[in-house]
Structure formats: structure tokens, C-alpha cells
Amino acid sequence: MVKISDYWDEHAPNFKKLVMSNPEWEKNLKDDNGNVWQFAGLREDKLNRVFFGPMLRKDLLDKAGLPVPETIDDWHTTLKAFKDMGVKNPFTALNWFIGYSGAFVGAYGVNASIYLDDTGMHYGPIEEGYKQYLTTFHEWYKEGLIDPDFVTLKDWGILTTKVTSGDSAALVHFLSNIVDYTEAGKGTDPNFQMVAAPYPVLNKGEIPKFGQQDPPVAPTTMVSASSKYIERAIEYLDYGYTEEGIILLNFGIEGESFEYDENGNPRYSALITEAPNTEKGWTQEQALAMYCPNSGTYSTLDTKSYFEQIRLRDPLQKEAVNLWKNVQFSSLLPNFSFTEEETEVAKKMADIETYVEEMTAKFILGDEPLDRFDEYVQTIKEWGIDDIVKVYNDAYNRFKNR
């Protein structure tokens, strides 16, 4: 792969100008030696970085006379109430929930993998807070509050059916599902309504420790050093960072997918905003794909206006982002880089993560007793987790000094 920064003065000046205009973008794109190796989606606003969190059936909450849950105890009360109403498996999830379970494990002060807080890097799954989380979820599972399919479920369509059919009523998922599930669920129950919940805490009034907040850049495209057209490829990608390219990739074609308002701001047309009730009959996702491919991970500026008009098209989605952004730390790590030697050490993480996911499922399901937690921790330590955490800490310290 070629260093984009070796070419950008002449062949990608628009990309360079944008990157260098924002210290966060520059810091997250450059490696420790000051090189840029790839193009990226540049997120214009912090709002664009939050799009995932807990959600549940508001109509069932209202029926039970319960508020949106805030604490772990609130969630327990809520899920039991849903169960008593006849909801088969109140809380459901895809199988990757285990590795992305910061939504609940964060209440116990840890995360589900290596995490960063104000004291440095840590590996959450070997800490006491993780054991407390496992204990809670095991109890909930025994009470029939957690869908047993969360260990193996990979099909998003099946997950959607579980929720919209009424078999499940709570999950952790993407922002768009608040609206999509509500619209689909009304076919089963006209009162069906999803609503966001804040990331859980142990005590009311606490600020959640972790939540999904993506880095300010999303690396997208690299250029091969073996290409015969390196300069042409870089120039092509640079177009996405011109004023014209930003409009095209975010909003499409004037007069078709968008119009300018009286203040000169691009606003999506009815083709997008009223989908699928248009002459074309496309869903909004299909219409956007036809005209403007940006979805937050494209080689362009990911504009705040795009996010507000598409991802926050419903007041409930705006409320969700305001809830989910209120956390102390991101469950995701910044874009730091490893040396060759560090990369070899970090490779050990794959086996550890697989083991942790397997054991997490077994602890929750009761296939392994929690009194074996110390033995599980010792296994992870023997596999070198302390060395891996040190490598991550060293890489992060270099990142801070960029």
C-alpha cells in the first residue's frame, strides 16, 4: 500500500486540507511517524459518532406503569414485567452481543474487552466487575428473561422477527431500529412503540461509564502500491472531499434527491424523506443507495446535516442519541497503531477473545459454574494478557503524543 501523504500535496489536496483543518482527524489518521495510509470518512460532528444503544418497547412500559429503565435493578423489574405480560424472551440479541456487551457490563465499571479510562488500558473480562455482570445475567437467564438464542443467533432478519412479533421486547441495537421496528411492529400490535434507554448504571443518577462512540474518522480506502494508476486512483478518491463531491456523496443530485432551502442548505427531497410512499416505491435505504452512498463510512466528509436528516429523522431517534452520548468513556478504542513487534504480541488477542466469548456464554447459560471464574482468569493471564495490555498502553501513549 502507498502512503497517501506522499501524494496528497499534488494529487489529494482537498483531502489534505480537510484532514489538517481538524486536529482530531489528523491525530486519528496519521501513524506514529506522521504518515497517512488511507482515505477515511471524516465525521463532522460528535453526533455522527453515536448510533447504537439499548432500546425497548415503550408501549409495554406504559402498560406496566413503568418508566424507561436507568439502573440494573430497573432493568430487572422491567424484564420481569414483560415476562409476566407473556413476552417469551424479554431481552434478545445477536451472537456478537457477547463481545459488544458494554451496554450492561459497563454498569459494573468494566468493558467486554480491552478498554481505556482515565487510569489507562485494562482488560475488562478478567476484572471483578465482569464477574458481577456474569452473575447478574446468569440470574436473569435462569428467570427466563434472556433469549437463549443470543449465543448463536447471527441472522438480523430473525432478530427483527423476534422483536416485531412480540416474542422479545428489549435489545441493544442500531439507532435506525427504533423507527424500523416500530413501523414493522405495528402490523402485530397497533400500539407497538420502541424507545431508547440510557446505558444502565448501578445507582440512579450515575453517569454510565461506557457507551458506543466511534472515533472521529472511519478509515475506508487504501491504494495498492502495485497499481498502474496510483495517482489517478488518489485523485479519484480526493474528489469526495471537494465541495461538489461532499454534496454528491451525502445528498445526491439537485432536483432529484435534494433541493437547496432558502438558506442555501441541502435538504432531501420527498424521494428520500417520504420513502417508500413515492412513485419509485424504494425504501429510504434503497433511495439513498441510488443517489448518495455515504453512510458514515465512505471516503468523504460525513456531514452533520446528513446525520440529522437521515439518522435523526424521528424525534425518538434524537432523544436516543442524547441519551446514548451521555457516557464517561467510549467502549471503542482510538485509532492508534502498533509496531511490528507489538503486532506479533497483539495477535494473541484473537485466541483470548474467542475463549472469553465461549466462557462468557457458558457462565451466563450455567454450563460453567461461576466459582470457576478465577480459573478462567488464570488461563487468560497464562496466555499473555498482561503483555498485550502493555502493548496497547504503549501504543496509546504514542498516539497521545502525535
Protein backbone atom coordinates (compact mmCIF):
# COMPACT_ATOMS: atom_id res chain seq x y z
CA MET A 1 0.00 0.00 0.00
CA VAL A 2 1.16 3.54 -0.67
CA LYS A 3 1.36 6.41 1.78
CA ILE A 4 -1.39 8.80 0.76
CA SER A 5 0.57 11.57 2.47
CA ASP A 6 3.41 11.09 -0.06
CA TYR A 7 0.98 12.05 -2.83
CA TRP A 8 -1.56 14.38 -1.29
CA ASP A 9 0.19 17.70 -1.92
CA GLU A 10 -0.23 17.20 -5.66
CA HIS A 11 -2.94 14.56 -6.05
CA ALA A 12 -5.19 14.84 -2.97
CA PRO A 13 -5.08 18.50 -1.86
CA ASN A 14 -8.75 18.55 -0.83
CA PHE A 15 -8.37 15.53 1.42
CA LYS A 16 -5.22 17.01 2.95
CA LYS A 17 -6.85 20.40 3.54
CA LEU A 18 -9.77 18.85 5.41
CA VAL A 19 -7.63 16.48 7.48
CA MET A 20 -5.23 19.22 8.51
CA SER A 21 -8.11 21.55 9.43
CA ASN A 22 -9.14 19.34 12.35
CA PRO A 23 -6.58 18.18 14.96
CA GLU A 24 -8.72 15.16 15.89
CA TRP A 25 -8.92 13.97 12.29
CA GLU A 26 -5.20 14.48 11.79
CA LYS A 27 -4.30 12.66 15.01
CA ASN A 28 -6.53 9.68 14.25
CA LEU A 29 -5.39 9.29 10.63
CA LYS A 30 -1.63 9.71 10.93
CA ASP A 31 0.54 6.89 12.19
CA ASP A 32 3.25 7.38 14.81
CA ASN A 33 5.66 8.57 12.10
CA GLY A 34 3.25 11.16 10.72
CA ASN A 35 2.20 9.17 7.64
CA VAL A 36 -1.35 8.80 6.28
CA TRP A 37 -2.03 5.46 4.62
CA GLN A 38 -5.73 5.63 3.80
CA PHE A 39 -8.69 7.79 2.99
CA ALA A 40 -11.46 7.99 5.55
CA GLY A 41 -14.94 9.11 6.43
CA LEU A 42 -14.39 12.35 8.35
CA ARG A 43 -17.16 12.80 10.91
CA GLU A 44 -18.14 16.45 11.04
CA ASP A 45 -19.83 16.34 14.44
CA LYS A 46 -19.79 14.21 17.59
CA LEU A 47 -23.43 13.36 16.92
CA ASN A 48 -22.33 11.40 13.85
CA ARG A 49 -20.35 9.09 16.11
CA VAL A 50 -23.23 7.83 18.29
CA PHE A 51 -25.72 5.39 16.78
CA PHE A 52 -26.02 2.31 19.00
CA GLY A 53 -27.54 1.57 22.38
CA PRO A 54 -30.28 -0.04 24.50
CA MET A 55 -33.90 0.10 23.34
CA LEU A 56 -37.19 -1.49 24.37
CA ARG A 57 -40.97 -1.45 23.97
CA LYS A 58 -42.39 1.80 25.33
CA ASP A 59 -45.99 0.65 24.89
CA LEU A 60 -45.31 -2.29 27.21
CA LEU A 61 -43.62 0.01 29.71
CA ASP A 62 -46.73 2.20 29.70
CA LYS A 63 -48.96 -0.83 30.11
CA ALA A 64 -46.93 -1.94 33.14
CA GLY A 65 -46.84 1.58 34.56
CA LEU A 66 -43.03 1.64 34.46
CA PRO A 67 -40.60 4.38 33.41
CA VAL A 68 -37.73 3.84 30.99
CA PRO A 69 -35.17 1.82 33.00
CA GLU A 70 -31.99 3.52 34.18
CA THR A 71 -30.39 1.11 36.66
CA ILE A 72 -29.67 -2.61 36.55
CA ASP A 73 -32.44 -3.11 39.12
CA ASP A 74 -34.82 -1.10 36.91
CA TRP A 75 -33.98 -3.38 34.00
CA HIS A 76 -34.64 -6.47 36.12
CA THR A 77 -38.03 -5.11 37.16
CA THR A 78 -38.86 -4.20 33.56
CA LEU A 79 -37.86 -7.54 32.04
CA LYS A 80 -39.83 -9.42 34.72
CA ALA A 81 -42.87 -7.27 33.96
CA PHE A 82 -42.52 -8.05 30.24
CA LYS A 83 -42.26 -11.77 31.07
CA ASP A 84 -45.42 -11.57 33.18
CA MET A 85 -47.19 -9.98 30.20
CA GLY A 86 -46.42 -13.04 28.12
CA VAL A 87 -43.29 -11.89 26.28
CA LYS A 88 -41.47 -15.15 25.58
CA ASN A 89 -37.86 -13.92 25.82
CA PRO A 90 -37.89 -10.30 27.04
CA PHE A 91 -34.25 -9.50 26.18
CA THR A 92 -32.75 -10.73 22.89
CA ALA A 93 -29.51 -10.17 21.00
CA LEU A 94 -27.34 -11.33 18.13
CA ASN A 95 -24.37 -13.53 18.98
CA TRP A 96 -21.91 -10.62 18.79
CA PHE A 97 -23.64 -9.07 21.80
CA ILE A 98 -21.20 -11.02 23.99
CA GLY A 99 -18.27 -9.10 22.57
CA TYR A 100 -20.18 -5.81 22.48
CA SER A 101 -21.87 -6.06 25.85
CA GLY A 102 -20.55 -2.80 27.22
CA ALA A 103 -24.17 -1.72 27.31
CA PHE A 104 -24.67 -3.72 30.52
CA VAL A 105 -21.23 -4.71 31.76
CA GLY A 106 -20.33 -1.02 31.91
CA ALA A 107 -22.64 -0.66 34.90
CA TYR A 108 -20.04 -2.67 36.82
CA GLY A 109 -17.18 -0.36 35.87
CA VAL A 110 -15.56 -2.52 33.18
CA ASN A 111 -15.94 -3.27 29.49
CA ALA A 112 -16.12 -6.50 27.49
CA SER A 113 -12.62 -6.24 26.01
CA ILE A 114 -9.57 -4.00 26.36
CA TYR A 115 -10.82 -0.61 27.40
CA LEU A 116 -9.46 2.83 28.11
CA ASP A 117 -10.39 5.03 31.04
CA ASP A 118 -8.62 7.83 32.89
CA THR A 119 -6.22 5.35 34.51
CA GLY A 120 -5.06 3.70 31.28
CA MET A 121 -5.75 0.41 29.49
CA HIS A 122 -7.38 -2.58 31.17
CA TYR A 123 -8.79 -5.95 30.15
CA GLY A 124 -12.36 -6.00 31.42
CA PRO A 125 -13.19 -9.72 31.21
CA ILE A 126 -10.70 -10.62 33.96
CA GLU A 127 -11.87 -7.97 36.42
CA GLU A 128 -14.25 -8.37 39.34
CA GLY A 129 -16.87 -6.18 37.68
CA TYR A 130 -17.11 -8.66 34.83
CA LYS A 131 -17.85 -11.46 37.27
CA GLN A 132 -20.63 -9.34 38.78
CA TYR A 133 -22.06 -8.77 35.30
CA LEU A 134 -21.94 -12.51 34.55
CA THR A 135 -23.66 -13.25 37.86
CA THR A 136 -26.48 -10.84 37.02
CA PHE A 137 -27.01 -12.15 33.51
CA HIS A 138 -26.89 -15.75 34.70
CA GLU A 139 -29.66 -14.99 37.20
CA TRP A 140 -31.70 -13.25 34.51
CA TYR A 141 -31.21 -16.20 32.21
CA LYS A 142 -32.43 -18.63 34.88
CA GLU A 143 -35.54 -16.47 35.28
CA GLY A 144 -36.26 -16.76 31.55
CA LEU A 145 -35.56 -13.09 30.87
CA ILE A 146 -32.82 -13.60 28.25
CA ASP A 147 -33.29 -15.23 24.86
CA PRO A 148 -31.11 -18.39 24.80
CA ASP A 149 -30.51 -17.86 21.07
CA PHE A 150 -28.18 -14.92 21.81
CA VAL A 151 -25.27 -17.37 21.83
CA THR A 152 -25.73 -18.47 18.21
CA LEU A 153 -28.11 -16.02 16.51
CA LYS A 154 -26.48 -14.32 13.51
CA ASP A 155 -29.45 -13.60 11.25
CA TRP A 156 -30.65 -10.00 11.50
CA GLY A 157 -33.94 -10.94 9.90
CA ILE A 158 -34.69 -13.47 12.62
CA LEU A 159 -33.77 -10.90 15.27
CA THR A 160 -36.17 -8.41 13.68
CA THR A 161 -38.94 -11.00 13.67
CA LYS A 162 -38.35 -11.81 17.34
CA VAL A 163 -38.85 -8.16 18.25
CA THR A 164 -41.61 -7.14 15.86
CA SER A 165 -43.65 -10.31 16.52
CA GLY A 166 -43.68 -9.62 20.25
CA ASP A 167 -41.55 -12.62 21.24
CA SER A 168 -38.92 -10.21 22.60
CA ALA A 169 -39.18 -6.62 23.78
CA ALA A 170 -35.69 -5.28 24.54
CA LEU A 171 -32.25 -5.36 22.96
CA VAL A 172 -29.14 -3.33 22.21
CA HIS A 173 -29.06 -2.24 18.58
CA PHE A 174 -28.61 0.49 15.99
CA LEU A 175 -30.39 3.83 16.03
CA SER A 176 -32.40 3.17 12.87
CA ASN A 177 -34.16 0.22 14.50
CA ILE A 178 -36.11 2.48 16.84
CA VAL A 179 -38.13 3.62 13.83
CA ASP A 180 -37.85 0.49 11.67
CA TYR A 181 -39.02 -1.87 14.41
CA THR A 182 -41.84 0.47 15.39
CA GLU A 183 -43.14 0.64 11.82
CA ALA A 184 -42.88 -3.13 11.33
CA GLY A 185 -44.24 -3.96 14.79
CA LYS A 186 -47.48 -2.08 14.24
CA GLY A 187 -48.50 -4.91 11.94
CA THR A 188 -48.64 -7.14 15.02
CA ASP A 189 -49.75 -4.56 17.58
CA PRO A 190 -51.03 -1.09 16.58
CA ASN A 191 -49.66 0.28 19.87
CA PHE A 192 -46.14 -1.03 19.20
CA GLN A 193 -43.52 1.63 20.02
CA MET A 194 -39.77 1.33 20.56
CA VAL A 195 -37.89 3.83 22.70
CA ALA A 196 -34.25 4.28 23.68
CA ALA A 197 -32.97 3.75 27.20
CA PRO A 198 -29.76 5.15 28.67
CA TYR A 199 -26.82 2.84 29.20
CA PRO A 200 -27.52 1.11 32.53
CA VAL A 201 -25.87 2.10 35.81
CA LEU A 202 -25.92 0.53 39.26
CA ASN A 203 -27.20 3.59 41.11
CA LYS A 204 -29.70 6.15 39.88
CA GLY A 205 -28.07 9.43 38.95
CA GLU A 206 -24.72 7.95 37.94
CA ILE A 207 -23.28 8.73 34.52
CA PRO A 208 -22.81 5.50 32.53
CA LYS A 209 -19.14 4.61 32.27
CA PHE A 210 -19.14 3.21 28.72
CA GLY A 211 -21.12 3.62 25.54
CA GLN A 212 -20.67 3.37 21.78
CA GLN A 213 -18.87 6.45 20.47
CA ASP A 214 -16.96 5.83 17.27
CA PRO A 215 -13.63 7.58 16.60
CA PRO A 216 -13.81 10.88 14.67
CA VAL A 217 -12.58 9.17 11.49
CA ALA A 218 -13.59 5.90 9.86
CA PRO A 219 -10.71 4.60 7.68
CA THR A 220 -12.10 3.46 4.34
CA THR A 221 -9.83 3.05 1.31
CA MET A 222 -6.16 2.29 0.67
CA VAL A 223 -4.34 2.36 -2.67
CA SER A 224 -2.20 -0.58 -3.75
CA ALA A 225 1.48 0.05 -4.45
CA SER A 226 1.20 -2.38 -7.38
CA SER A 227 -1.44 -0.29 -9.15
CA LYS A 228 -0.52 1.15 -12.55
CA TYR A 229 -2.68 4.16 -11.77
CA ILE A 230 -1.74 5.25 -8.26
CA GLU A 231 -2.05 8.97 -8.98
CA ARG A 232 -5.36 8.53 -10.83
CA ALA A 233 -6.82 6.43 -8.01
CA ILE A 234 -5.81 9.01 -5.41
CA GLU A 235 -7.23 11.87 -7.49
CA TYR A 236 -10.49 9.96 -7.93
CA LEU A 237 -10.82 9.46 -4.17
CA ASP A 238 -9.85 13.07 -3.49
CA TYR A 239 -12.98 14.19 -5.36
CA GLY A 240 -15.03 13.02 -2.37
CA TYR A 241 -13.51 15.84 -0.31
CA THR A 242 -14.27 18.67 -2.74
CA GLU A 243 -17.35 20.82 -2.09
CA GLU A 244 -19.06 19.22 -5.07
CA GLY A 245 -18.06 15.71 -4.03
CA ILE A 246 -19.25 16.19 -0.46
CA ILE A 247 -22.67 17.30 -1.70
CA LEU A 248 -22.90 14.45 -4.23
CA LEU A 249 -21.89 11.70 -1.81
CA ASN A 250 -24.05 13.00 1.05
CA PHE A 251 -27.11 14.30 -0.80
CA GLY A 252 -27.05 13.10 -4.41
CA ILE A 253 -28.36 15.11 -7.36
CA GLU A 254 -30.02 18.52 -7.02
CA GLY A 255 -33.59 18.45 -8.27
CA GLU A 256 -33.89 14.71 -7.74
CA SER A 257 -32.72 13.58 -4.30
CA PHE A 258 -32.32 17.05 -2.75
CA GLU A 259 -33.03 20.76 -3.10
CA TYR A 260 -31.39 23.79 -1.51
CA ASP A 261 -33.55 25.61 1.05
CA GLU A 262 -33.89 29.38 1.41
CA ASN A 263 -30.67 29.48 3.44
CA GLY A 264 -28.70 27.56 0.84
CA ASN A 265 -28.61 24.32 2.82
CA PRO A 266 -29.22 20.97 1.07
CA ARG A 267 -32.46 19.27 2.11
CA TYR A 268 -33.51 15.82 0.98
CA SER A 269 -36.45 15.65 -1.39
CA ALA A 270 -39.64 13.64 -0.95
CA LEU A 271 -37.95 10.81 -2.87
CA ILE A 272 -35.85 10.26 0.26
CA THR A 273 -37.94 11.63 3.11
CA GLU A 274 -41.25 10.05 2.10
CA ALA A 275 -39.90 6.66 1.02
CA PRO A 276 -41.34 4.13 0.40
CA ASN A 277 -44.51 6.11 -0.36
CA THR A 278 -43.18 7.55 -3.62
CA GLU A 279 -43.57 6.85 -7.31
CA LYS A 280 -40.37 4.79 -7.27
CA GLY A 281 -41.54 2.69 -4.34
CA TRP A 282 -38.00 2.43 -2.96
CA THR A 283 -37.30 2.14 0.73
CA GLN A 284 -35.29 5.02 2.13
CA GLU A 285 -32.18 2.83 2.23
CA GLN A 286 -32.64 1.92 -1.44
CA ALA A 287 -33.21 5.54 -2.45
CA LEU A 288 -30.12 6.68 -0.57
CA ALA A 289 -28.05 3.91 -2.13
CA MET A 290 -29.15 5.01 -5.60
CA TYR A 291 -28.17 8.65 -5.08
CA CYS A 292 -25.77 9.15 -2.19
CA PRO A 293 -23.63 6.26 -0.95
CA ASN A 294 -22.33 7.92 2.21
CA SER A 295 -23.44 6.10 5.34
CA GLY A 296 -20.76 7.38 7.69
CA THR A 297 -18.04 5.08 6.35
CA TYR A 298 -17.40 6.49 2.88
CA SER A 299 -14.41 8.48 1.60
CA THR A 300 -15.88 11.94 2.13
CA LEU A 301 -16.95 14.37 4.83
CA ASP A 302 -19.71 12.71 6.87
CA THR A 303 -21.82 15.84 7.34
CA LYS A 304 -23.86 16.72 10.39
CA SER A 305 -26.76 17.65 8.10
CA TYR A 306 -26.81 14.15 6.57
CA PHE A 307 -26.88 12.57 10.02
CA GLU A 308 -29.60 14.88 11.32
CA GLN A 309 -31.86 14.43 8.29
CA ILE A 310 -31.46 10.67 7.91
CA ARG A 311 -30.35 9.14 11.19
CA LEU A 312 -32.33 11.58 13.35
CA ARG A 313 -35.44 11.77 11.19
CA ASP A 314 -37.70 10.91 14.12
CA PRO A 315 -37.84 12.72 17.49
CA LEU A 316 -37.33 9.38 19.26
CA GLN A 317 -34.00 8.98 17.45
CA LYS A 318 -32.89 12.44 18.56
CA GLU A 319 -33.80 11.52 22.11
CA ALA A 320 -31.84 8.27 21.75
CA VAL A 321 -28.62 9.99 20.67
CA ASN A 322 -28.93 12.49 23.51
CA LEU A 323 -29.24 9.59 25.96
CA TRP A 324 -26.52 7.40 24.47
CA LYS A 325 -23.91 10.15 24.14
CA ASN A 326 -24.06 10.82 27.88
CA VAL A 327 -21.26 8.47 28.95
CA GLN A 328 -17.83 8.87 30.51
CA PHE A 329 -15.82 6.82 28.02
CA SER A 330 -16.24 5.18 24.64
CA SER A 331 -16.37 1.40 24.59
CA LEU A 332 -14.24 1.64 21.43
CA LEU A 333 -10.54 2.49 21.27
CA PRO A 334 -8.94 5.36 19.31
CA ASN A 335 -7.08 4.72 16.04
CA PHE A 336 -3.59 4.04 17.38
CA SER A 337 -1.08 1.78 15.63
CA PHE A 338 1.33 -0.97 16.64
CA THR A 339 4.97 -1.55 15.78
CA GLU A 340 5.81 -4.83 14.02
CA GLU A 341 6.96 -6.33 17.30
CA GLU A 342 3.81 -5.16 19.09
CA THR A 343 1.63 -6.56 16.32
CA GLU A 344 3.03 -10.04 16.97
CA VAL A 345 2.12 -9.74 20.65
CA ALA A 346 -1.33 -8.31 19.90
CA LYS A 347 -2.10 -11.26 17.60
CA LYS A 348 -2.52 -13.38 20.73
CA MET A 349 -5.68 -11.41 21.44
CA ALA A 350 -7.70 -13.35 18.85
CA ASP A 351 -7.43 -16.62 20.79
CA ILE A 352 -8.14 -14.87 24.08
CA GLU A 353 -11.24 -13.13 22.72
CA THR A 354 -12.57 -16.42 21.34
CA TYR A 355 -12.04 -18.08 24.71
CA VAL A 356 -13.70 -15.17 26.54
CA GLU A 357 -16.76 -15.27 24.27
CA GLU A 358 -17.11 -19.02 24.75
CA MET A 359 -16.73 -18.82 28.53
CA THR A 360 -19.00 -15.78 28.82
CA ALA A 361 -21.77 -17.73 27.12
CA LYS A 362 -21.13 -20.77 29.32
CA PHE A 363 -21.17 -18.70 32.51
CA ILE A 364 -24.43 -16.99 31.55
CA LEU A 365 -26.11 -20.22 30.46
CA GLY A 366 -24.87 -22.07 33.54
CA ASP A 367 -22.79 -24.57 31.57
CA GLU A 368 -19.82 -23.43 33.66
CA PRO A 369 -20.24 -22.50 37.35
CA LEU A 370 -19.12 -19.01 38.30
CA ASP A 371 -16.90 -20.43 41.04
CA ARG A 372 -14.56 -21.29 38.14
CA PHE A 373 -14.14 -17.61 37.29
CA ASP A 374 -10.70 -17.41 38.96
CA GLU A 375 -9.54 -20.41 36.95
CA TYR A 376 -10.79 -18.72 33.78
CA VAL A 377 -8.87 -15.54 34.70
CA GLN A 378 -5.70 -17.53 35.32
CA THR A 379 -5.97 -19.13 31.87
CA ILE A 380 -6.19 -15.70 30.24
CA LYS A 381 -3.19 -14.48 32.21
CA GLU A 382 -1.19 -17.55 31.18
CA TRP A 383 -2.00 -16.71 27.55
CA GLY A 384 -0.27 -13.35 27.96
CA ILE A 385 -3.00 -10.78 28.54
CA ASP A 386 -0.72 -8.61 30.69
CA ASP A 387 1.80 -8.33 27.85
CA ILE A 388 -0.99 -7.49 25.42
CA VAL A 389 -2.39 -4.75 27.66
CA LYS A 390 1.11 -3.28 27.96
CA VAL A 391 1.40 -3.22 24.16
CA TYR A 392 -1.92 -1.39 23.92
CA ASN A 393 -0.84 1.07 26.60
CA ASP A 394 2.44 1.77 24.82
CA ALA A 395 0.64 2.30 21.50
CA TYR A 396 -1.87 4.62 23.14
CA ASN A 397 0.87 6.67 24.80
CA ARG A 398 2.47 7.22 21.39
CA PHE A 399 -0.94 8.15 19.99
CA LYS A 400 -1.36 10.83 22.66
CA ASN A 401 1.96 12.37 21.64
CA ARG A 402 1.21 12.59 17.92
